Amino acid sequence: MIGRVVFLGLLFICVAAEAEENSGLLRKPSCPDTAEILACPLNLAPVCGSDGNTYANECTLCVQRQTTRVDILIAKEESC
């Protein structure tokens, strides 16, 4: 019986920690208002998109948003 309680307690802690890690708010990227992005800088500042893909930087995420017409948001400021 005590083993079950300990197991359930540890399981709860793991689930709570994962929920806290994923509780970050999604952020809309600051894309230019122009209909066309000519070129993105080559700087490497990875962002994780809400679509589960890692983009080299915010600009490349903006290009993907414009190309696919899908509202991709920034999930976190690092690789997925």
PDB file of N, CA and C in Angstrom:
ATOM      1  N   MET A   1       0.822  -1.201   0.000  1.00  0.00           N
ATOM      2  CA  MET A   1       0.000   0.000   0.000  1.00  0.00           C
ATOM      3  C   MET A   1       0.866   1.266   0.000  1.00  0.00           C
ATOM      4  N   ILE A   2       1.875   1.289   0.853  1.00  0.00           N
ATOM      5  CA  ILE A   2       2.755   2.458   0.923  1.00  0.00           C
ATOM      6  C   ILE A   2       3.516   2.611  -0.395  1.00  0.00           C
ATOM      7  N   GLY A   3       3.880   1.498  -0.999  1.00  0.00           N
ATOM      8  CA  GLY A   3       4.574   1.544  -2.284  1.00  0.00           C
ATOM      9  C   GLY A   3       3.736   2.232  -3.353  1.00  0.00           C
ATOM     10  N   ARG A   4       2.439   1.942  -3.357  1.00  0.00           N
ATOM     11  CA  ARG A   4       1.541   2.591  -4.324  1.00  0.00           C
ATOM     12  C   ARG A   4       1.455   4.091  -4.091  1.00  0.00           C
ATOM     13  N   VAL A   5       1.369   4.484  -2.845  1.00  0.00           N
ATOM     14  CA  VAL A   5       1.268   5.900  -2.508  1.00  0.00           C
ATOM     15  C   VAL A   5       2.546   6.630  -2.952  1.00  0.00           C
ATOM     16  N   VAL A   6       3.685   6.019  -2.680  1.00  0.00           N
ATOM     17  CA  VAL A   6       4.956   6.625  -3.082  1.00  0.00           C
ATOM     18  C   VAL A   6       5.026   6.717  -4.602  1.00  0.00           C
ATOM     19  N   PHE A   7       4.652   5.652  -5.286  1.00  0.00           N
ATOM     20  CA  PHE A   7       4.672   5.642  -6.746  1.00  0.00           C
ATOM     21  C   PHE A   7       3.751   6.725  -7.313  1.00  0.00           C
ATOM     22  N   LEU A   8       2.534   6.815  -6.797  1.00  0.00           N
ATOM     23  CA  LEU A   8       1.596   7.829  -7.276  1.00  0.00           C
ATOM     24  C   LEU A   8       2.103   9.236  -6.968  1.00  0.00           C
ATOM     25  N   GLY A   9       2.750   9.412  -5.828  1.00  0.00           N
ATOM     26  CA  GLY A   9       3.313  10.722  -5.492  1.00  0.00           C
ATOM     27  C   GLY A   9       4.405  11.126  -6.462  1.00  0.00           C
ATOM     28  N   LEU A  10       5.306  10.175  -6.778  1.00  0.00           N
ATOM     29  CA  LEU A  10       6.370  10.461  -7.741  1.00  0.00           C
ATOM     30  C   LEU A  10       5.804  10.719  -9.130  1.00  0.00           C
ATOM     31  N   LEU A  11       4.797   9.971  -9.509  1.00  0.00           N
ATOM     32  CA  LEU A  11       4.154  10.172 -10.805  1.00  0.00           C
ATOM     33  C   LEU A  11       3.530  11.560 -10.884  1.00  0.00           C
ATOM     34  N   PHE A  12       2.885  11.987  -9.828  1.00  0.00           N
ATOM     35  CA  PHE A  12       2.274  13.312  -9.779  1.00  0.00           C
ATOM     36  C   PHE A  12       3.325  14.398  -9.922  1.00  0.00           C
ATOM     37  N   ILE A  13       4.467  14.236  -9.248  1.00  0.00           N
ATOM     38  CA  ILE A  13       5.545  15.224  -9.326  1.00  0.00           C
ATOM     39  C   ILE A  13       6.072  15.320 -10.754  1.00  0.00           C
ATOM     40  N   CYS A  14       6.258  14.177 -11.409  1.00  0.00           N
ATOM     41  CA  CYS A  14       6.750  14.183 -12.793  1.00  0.00           C
ATOM     42  C   CYS A  14       5.757  14.864 -13.731  1.00  0.00           C
ATOM     43  N   VAL A  15       4.489  14.563 -13.592  1.00  0.00           N
ATOM     44  CA  VAL A  15       3.465  15.164 -14.447  1.00  0.00           C
ATOM     45  C   VAL A  15       3.383  16.663 -14.200  1.00  0.00           C
ATOM     46  N   ALA A  16       3.459  17.077 -12.949  1.00  0.00           N
ATOM     47  CA  ALA A  16       3.396  18.504 -12.622  1.00  0.00           C
ATOM     48  C   ALA A  16       4.606  19.243 -13.181  1.00  0.00           C
ATOM     49  N   ALA A  17       5.789  18.630 -13.115  1.00  0.00           N
ATOM     50  CA  ALA A  17       6.998  19.277 -13.636  1.00  0.00           C
ATOM     51  C   ALA A  17       6.902  19.426 -15.148  1.00  0.00           C
ATOM     52  N   GLU A  18       6.390  18.415 -15.835  1.00  0.00           N
ATOM     53  CA  GLU A  18       6.247  18.500 -17.290  1.00  0.00           C
ATOM     54  C   GLU A  18       5.213  19.545 -17.675  1.00  0.00           C
ATOM     55  N   ALA A  19       4.128  19.641 -16.933  1.00  0.00           N
ATOM     56  CA  ALA A  19       3.104  20.642 -17.220  1.00  0.00           C
ATOM     57  C   ALA A  19       3.662  22.047 -17.016  1.00  0.00           C
ATOM     58  N   GLU A  20       4.495  22.226 -15.996  1.00  0.00           N
ATOM     59  CA  GLU A  20       5.095  23.542 -15.758  1.00  0.00           C
ATOM     60  C   GLU A  20       6.043  23.912 -16.888  1.00  0.00           C
ATOM     61  N   GLU A  21       6.795  22.929 -17.386  1.00  0.00           N
ATOM     62  CA  GLU A  21       7.723  23.182 -18.485  1.00  0.00           C
ATOM     63  C   GLU A  21       6.978  23.574 -19.752  1.00  0.00           C
ATOM     64  N   ASN A  22       5.818  22.980 -19.999  1.00  0.00           N
ATOM     65  CA  ASN A  22       5.055  23.248 -21.208  1.00  0.00           C
ATOM     66  C   ASN A  22       4.043  24.370 -21.041  1.00  0.00           C
ATOM     67  N   SER A  23       4.010  25.018 -19.873  1.00  0.00           N
ATOM     68  CA  SER A  23       2.986  26.018 -19.629  1.00  0.00           C
ATOM     69  C   SER A  23       3.359  27.390 -20.180  1.00  0.00           C
ATOM     70  N   GLY A  24       4.520  27.511 -20.806  1.00  0.00           N
ATOM     71  CA  GLY A  24       4.922  28.798 -21.363  1.00  0.00           C
ATOM     72  C   GLY A  24       3.928  29.262 -22.408  1.00  0.00           C
ATOM     73  N   LEU A  25       3.707  30.531 -22.458  1.00  0.00           N
ATOM     74  CA  LEU A  25       2.750  31.065 -23.408  1.00  0.00           C
ATOM     75  C   LEU A  25       3.339  31.103 -24.806  1.00  0.00           C
ATOM     76  N   LEU A  26       2.519  30.836 -25.778  1.00  0.00           N
ATOM     77  CA  LEU A  26       2.945  30.955 -27.160  1.00  0.00           C
ATOM     78  C   LEU A  26       3.046  32.430 -27.500  1.00  0.00           C
ATOM     79  N   ARG A  27       4.037  32.767 -28.299  1.00  0.00           N
ATOM     80  CA  ARG A  27       4.271  34.161 -28.658  1.00  0.00           C
ATOM     81  C   ARG A  27       4.180  34.310 -30.166  1.00  0.00           C
ATOM     82  N   LYS A  28       3.504  35.368 -30.590  1.00  0.00           N
ATOM     83  CA  LYS A  28       3.415  35.653 -32.016  1.00  0.00           C
ATOM     84  C   LYS A  28       4.739  36.256 -32.474  1.00  0.00           C
ATOM     85  N   PRO A  29       5.314  35.749 -33.555  1.00  0.00           N
ATOM     86  CA  PRO A  29       6.593  36.308 -34.030  1.00  0.00           C
ATOM     87  C   PRO A  29       6.406  37.719 -34.569  1.00  0.00           C
ATOM     88  N   SER A  30       7.460  38.505 -34.507  1.00  0.00           N
ATOM     89  CA  SER A  30       7.387  39.870 -35.027  1.00  0.00           C
ATOM     90  C   SER A  30       7.825  39.850 -36.492  1.00  0.00           C
ATOM     91  N   CYS A  31       6.888  39.511 -37.337  1.00  0.00           N
ATOM     92  CA  CYS A  31       7.149  39.440 -38.772  1.00  0.00           C
ATOM     93  C   CYS A  31       6.889  40.806 -39.402  1.00  0.00           C
ATOM     94  N   PRO A  32       7.623  41.133 -40.451  1.00  0.00           N
ATOM     95  CA  PRO A  32       7.359  42.400 -41.143  1.00  0.00           C
ATOM     96  C   PRO A  32       5.965  42.387 -41.777  1.00  0.00           C
ATOM     97  N   ASP A  33       5.375  43.550 -41.904  1.00  0.00           N
ATOM     98  CA  ASP A  33       4.039  43.656 -42.464  1.00  0.00           C
ATOM     99  C   ASP A  33       4.022  43.510 -43.980  1.00  0.00           C
ATOM    100  N   THR A  34       5.179  43.553 -44.592  1.00  0.00           N
ATOM    101  CA  THR A  34       5.222  43.457 -46.042  1.00  0.00           C
ATOM    102  C   THR A  34       4.753  42.078 -46.493  1.00  0.00           C
ATOM    103  N   ALA A  35       4.244  42.020 -47.692  1.00  0.00           N
ATOM    104  CA  ALA A  35       3.720  40.769 -48.221  1.00  0.00           C
ATOM    105  C   ALA A  35       4.832  39.786 -48.558  1.00  0.00           C
ATOM    106  N   GLU A  36       6.048  40.274 -48.634  1.00  0.00           N
ATOM    107  CA  GLU A  36       7.148  39.435 -49.083  1.00  0.00           C
ATOM    108  C   GLU A  36       8.408  39.716 -48.268  1.00  0.00           C
ATOM    109  N   ILE A  37       9.028  38.677 -47.758  1.00  0.00           N
ATOM    110  CA  ILE A  37      10.312  38.823 -47.077  1.00  0.00           C
ATOM    111  C   ILE A  37      11.379  38.464 -48.102  1.00  0.00           C
ATOM    112  N   LEU A  38      12.275  39.394 -48.367  1.00  0.00           N
ATOM    113  CA  LEU A  38      13.276  39.163 -49.401  1.00  0.00           C
ATOM    114  C   LEU A  38      14.376  38.219 -48.951  1.00  0.00           C
ATOM    115  N   ALA A  39      14.955  38.441 -47.783  1.00  0.00           N
ATOM    116  CA  ALA A  39      16.031  37.581 -47.310  1.00  0.00           C
ATOM    117  C   ALA A  39      16.105  37.632 -45.792  1.00  0.00           C
ATOM    118  N   CYS A  40      16.376  36.499 -45.195  1.00  0.00           N
ATOM    119  CA  CYS A  40      16.533  36.439 -43.747  1.00  0.00           C
ATOM    120  C   CYS A  40      18.008  36.518 -43.397  1.00  0.00           C
ATOM    121  N   PRO A  41      18.324  37.084 -42.236  1.00  0.00           N
ATOM    122  CA  PRO A  41      19.719  37.088 -41.800  1.00  0.00           C
ATOM    123  C   PRO A  41      20.181  35.659 -41.520  1.00  0.00           C
ATOM    124  N   LEU A  42      21.475  35.462 -41.573  1.00  0.00           N
ATOM    125  CA  LEU A  42      22.022  34.125 -41.386  1.00  0.00           C
ATOM    126  C   LEU A  42      22.341  33.809 -39.932  1.00  0.00           C
ATOM    127  N   ASN A  43      21.917  34.677 -39.002  1.00  0.00           N
ATOM    128  CA  ASN A  43      22.213  34.418 -37.597  1.00  0.00           C
ATOM    129  C   ASN A  43      21.461  33.173 -37.110  1.00  0.00           C
ATOM    130  N   LEU A  44      22.115  32.423 -36.232  1.00  0.00           N
ATOM    131  CA  LEU A  44      21.513  31.226 -35.674  1.00  0.00           C
ATOM    132  C   LEU A  44      20.966  31.554 -34.292  1.00  0.00           C
ATOM    133  N   ALA A  45      19.662  31.671 -34.215  1.00  0.00           N
ATOM    134  CA  ALA A  45      18.959  31.919 -32.962  1.00  0.00           C
ATOM    135  C   ALA A  45      17.700  31.053 -33.009  1.00  0.00           C
ATOM    136  N   PRO A  46      17.855  29.737 -32.797  1.00  0.00           N
ATOM    137  CA  PRO A  46      16.749  28.804 -33.009  1.00  0.00           C
ATOM    138  C   PRO A  46      15.500  29.139 -32.199  1.00  0.00           C
ATOM    139  N   VAL A  47      14.359  28.939 -32.832  1.00  0.00           N
ATOM    140  CA  VAL A  47      13.067  29.062 -32.165  1.00  0.00           C
ATOM    141  C   VAL A  47      12.259  27.806 -32.484  1.00  0.00           C
ATOM    142  N   CYS A  48      11.453  27.403 -31.534  1.00  0.00           N
ATOM    143  CA  CYS A  48      10.592  26.243 -31.711  1.00  0.00           C
ATOM    144  C   CYS A  48       9.202  26.734 -32.078  1.00  0.00           C
ATOM    145  N   GLY A  49       8.716  26.313 -33.222  1.00  0.00           N
ATOM    146  CA  GLY A  49       7.394  26.720 -33.667  1.00  0.00           C
ATOM    147  C   GLY A  49       6.296  25.881 -33.048  1.00  0.00           C
ATOM    148  N   SER A  50       5.102  26.429 -33.001  1.00  0.00           N
ATOM    149  CA  SER A  50       3.967  25.696 -32.447  1.00  0.00           C
ATOM    150  C   SER A  50       3.602  24.482 -33.306  1.00  0.00           C
ATOM    151  N   ASP A  51       4.201  24.385 -34.494  1.00  0.00           N
ATOM    152  CA  ASP A  51       3.983  23.225 -35.353  1.00  0.00           C
ATOM    153  C   ASP A  51       4.966  22.096 -35.045  1.00  0.00           C
ATOM    154  N   GLY A  52       5.846  22.303 -34.048  1.00  0.00           N
ATOM    155  CA  GLY A  52       6.790  21.271 -33.647  1.00  0.00           C
ATOM    156  C   GLY A  52       8.100  21.289 -34.411  1.00  0.00           C
ATOM    157  N   ASN A  53       8.285  22.240 -35.298  1.00  0.00           N
ATOM    158  CA  ASN A  53       9.521  22.351 -36.066  1.00  0.00           C
ATOM    159  C   ASN A  53      10.436  23.406 -35.468  1.00  0.00           C
ATOM    160  N   THR A  54      11.749  23.168 -35.604  1.00  0.00           N
ATOM    161  CA  THR A  54      12.743  24.142 -35.172  1.00  0.00           C
ATOM    162  C   THR A  54      13.138  24.985 -36.370  1.00  0.00           C
ATOM    163  N   TYR A  55      13.149  26.302 -36.192  1.00  0.00           N
ATOM    164  CA  TYR A  55      13.528  27.243 -37.248  1.00  0.00           C
ATOM    165  C   TYR A  55      14.829  27.913 -36.846  1.00  0.00           C
ATOM    166  N   ALA A  56      15.678  28.211 -37.820  1.00  0.00           N
ATOM    167  CA  ALA A  56      16.995  28.792 -37.561  1.00  0.00           C
ATOM    168  C   ALA A  56      16.893  30.114 -36.809  1.00  0.00           C
ATOM    169  N   ASN A  57      15.867  30.895 -37.114  1.00  0.00           N
ATOM    170  CA  ASN A  57      15.629  32.161 -36.416  1.00  0.00           C
ATOM    171  C   ASN A  57      14.173  32.573 -36.658  1.00  0.00           C
ATOM    172  N   GLU A  58      13.787  33.663 -36.052  1.00  0.00           N
ATOM    173  CA  GLU A  58      12.401  34.117 -36.136  1.00  0.00           C
ATOM    174  C   GLU A  58      11.998  34.467 -37.568  1.00  0.00           C
ATOM    175  N   CYS A  59      12.940  34.976 -38.342  1.00  0.00           N
ATOM    176  CA  CYS A  59      12.658  35.343 -39.730  1.00  0.00           C
ATOM    177  C   CYS A  59      12.274  34.114 -40.563  1.00  0.00           C
ATOM    178  N   THR A  60      13.001  33.014 -40.378  1.00  0.00           N
ATOM    179  CA  THR A  60      12.675  31.813 -41.155  1.00  0.00           C
ATOM    180  C   THR A  60      11.310  31.264 -40.765  1.00  0.00           C
ATOM    181  N   LEU A  61      10.931  31.434 -39.505  1.00  0.00           N
ATOM    182  CA  LEU A  61       9.587  31.048 -39.087  1.00  0.00           C
ATOM    183  C   LEU A  61       8.555  31.932 -39.795  1.00  0.00           C
ATOM    184  N   CYS A  62       8.851  33.224 -39.918  1.00  0.00           N
ATOM    185  CA  CYS A  62       7.945  34.148 -40.614  1.00  0.00           C
ATOM    186  C   CYS A  62       7.783  33.760 -42.085  1.00  0.00           C
ATOM    187  N   VAL A  63       8.882  33.358 -42.712  1.00  0.00           N
ATOM    188  CA  VAL A  63       8.805  32.928 -44.109  1.00  0.00           C
ATOM    189  C   VAL A  63       7.889  31.715 -44.231  1.00  0.00           C
ATOM    190  N   GLN A  64       8.034  30.773 -43.305  1.00  0.00           N
ATOM    191  CA  GLN A  64       7.175  29.582 -43.333  1.00  0.00           C
ATOM    192  C   GLN A  64       5.713  29.956 -43.119  1.00  0.00           C
ATOM    193  N   ARG A  65       5.453  30.916 -42.229  1.00  0.00           N
ATOM    194  CA  ARG A  65       4.076  31.382 -42.006  1.00  0.00           C
ATOM    195  C   ARG A  65       3.487  31.947 -43.293  1.00  0.00           C
ATOM    196  N   GLN A  66       4.279  32.748 -43.998  1.00  0.00           N
ATOM    197  CA  GLN A  66       3.772  33.367 -45.226  1.00  0.00           C
ATOM    198  C   GLN A  66       3.621  32.345 -46.345  1.00  0.00           C
ATOM    199  N   THR A  67       4.535  31.403 -46.419  1.00  0.00           N
ATOM    200  CA  THR A  67       4.489  30.404 -47.482  1.00  0.00           C
ATOM    201  C   THR A  67       3.294  29.477 -47.329  1.00  0.00           C
ATOM    202  N   THR A  68       3.072  28.995 -46.103  1.00  0.00           N
ATOM    203  CA  THR A  68       2.007  28.013 -45.868  1.00  0.00           C
ATOM    204  C   THR A  68       0.671  28.634 -45.470  1.00  0.00           C
ATOM    205  N   ARG A  69       0.692  29.926 -45.137  1.00  0.00           N
ATOM    206  CA  ARG A  69      -0.525  30.614 -44.663  1.00  0.00           C
ATOM    207  C   ARG A  69      -1.095  29.952 -43.399  1.00  0.00           C
ATOM    208  N   VAL A  70      -0.176  29.422 -42.565  1.00  0.00           N
ATOM    209  CA  VAL A  70      -0.547  28.800 -41.302  1.00  0.00           C
ATOM    210  C   VAL A  70      -0.044  29.704 -40.182  1.00  0.00           C
ATOM    211  N   ASP A  71      -0.853  29.916 -39.161  1.00  0.00           N
ATOM    212  CA  ASP A  71      -0.500  30.797 -38.058  1.00  0.00           C
ATOM    213  C   ASP A  71       0.419  30.057 -37.080  1.00  0.00           C
ATOM    214  N   ILE A  72       1.707  30.006 -37.397  1.00  0.00           N
ATOM    215  CA  ILE A  72       2.690  29.339 -36.546  1.00  0.00           C
ATOM    216  C   ILE A  72       3.171  30.342 -35.502  1.00  0.00           C
ATOM    217  N   LEU A  73       3.141  29.941 -34.247  1.00  0.00           N
ATOM    218  CA  LEU A  73       3.579  30.791 -33.151  1.00  0.00           C
ATOM    219  C   LEU A  73       4.890  30.268 -32.594  1.00  0.00           C
ATOM    220  N   ILE A  74       5.569  31.060 -31.785  1.00  0.00           N
ATOM    221  CA  ILE A  74       6.813  30.635 -31.158  1.00  0.00           C
ATOM    222  C   ILE A  74       6.477  29.981 -29.824  1.00  0.00           C
ATOM    223  N   ALA A  75       6.829  28.701 -29.697  1.00  0.00           N
ATOM    224  CA  ALA A  75       6.569  27.957 -28.471  1.00  0.00           C
ATOM    225  C   ALA A  75       7.659  28.204 -27.440  1.00  0.00           C
ATOM    226  N   LYS A  76       8.923  28.278 -27.927  1.00  0.00           N
ATOM    227  CA  LYS A  76      10.029  28.592 -27.017  1.00  0.00           C
ATOM    228  C   LYS A  76      11.220  29.105 -27.816  1.00  0.00           C
ATOM    229  N   GLU A  77      12.108  29.798 -27.118  1.00  0.00           N
ATOM    230  CA  GLU A  77      13.258  30.448 -27.737  1.00  0.00           C
ATOM    231  C   GLU A  77      14.462  29.512 -27.785  1.00  0.00           C
ATOM    232  N   GLU A  78      14.266  28.309 -28.279  1.00  0.00           N
ATOM    233  CA  GLU A  78      15.335  27.324 -28.419  1.00  0.00           C
ATOM    234  C   GLU A  78      14.826  26.212 -29.328  1.00  0.00           C
ATOM    235  N   SER A  79      15.664  25.257 -29.604  1.00  0.00           N
ATOM    236  CA  SER A  79      15.252  24.141 -30.455  1.00  0.00           C
ATOM    237  C   SER A  79      14.132  23.357 -29.790  1.00  0.00           C
ATOM    238  N   CYS A  80      13.329  22.721 -30.618  1.00  0.00           N
ATOM    239  CA  CYS A  80      12.224  21.901 -30.084  1.00  0.00           C
ATOM    240  C   CYS A  80      12.745  20.631 -29.420  1.00  0.00           C
TER     241      CYS A  80
END
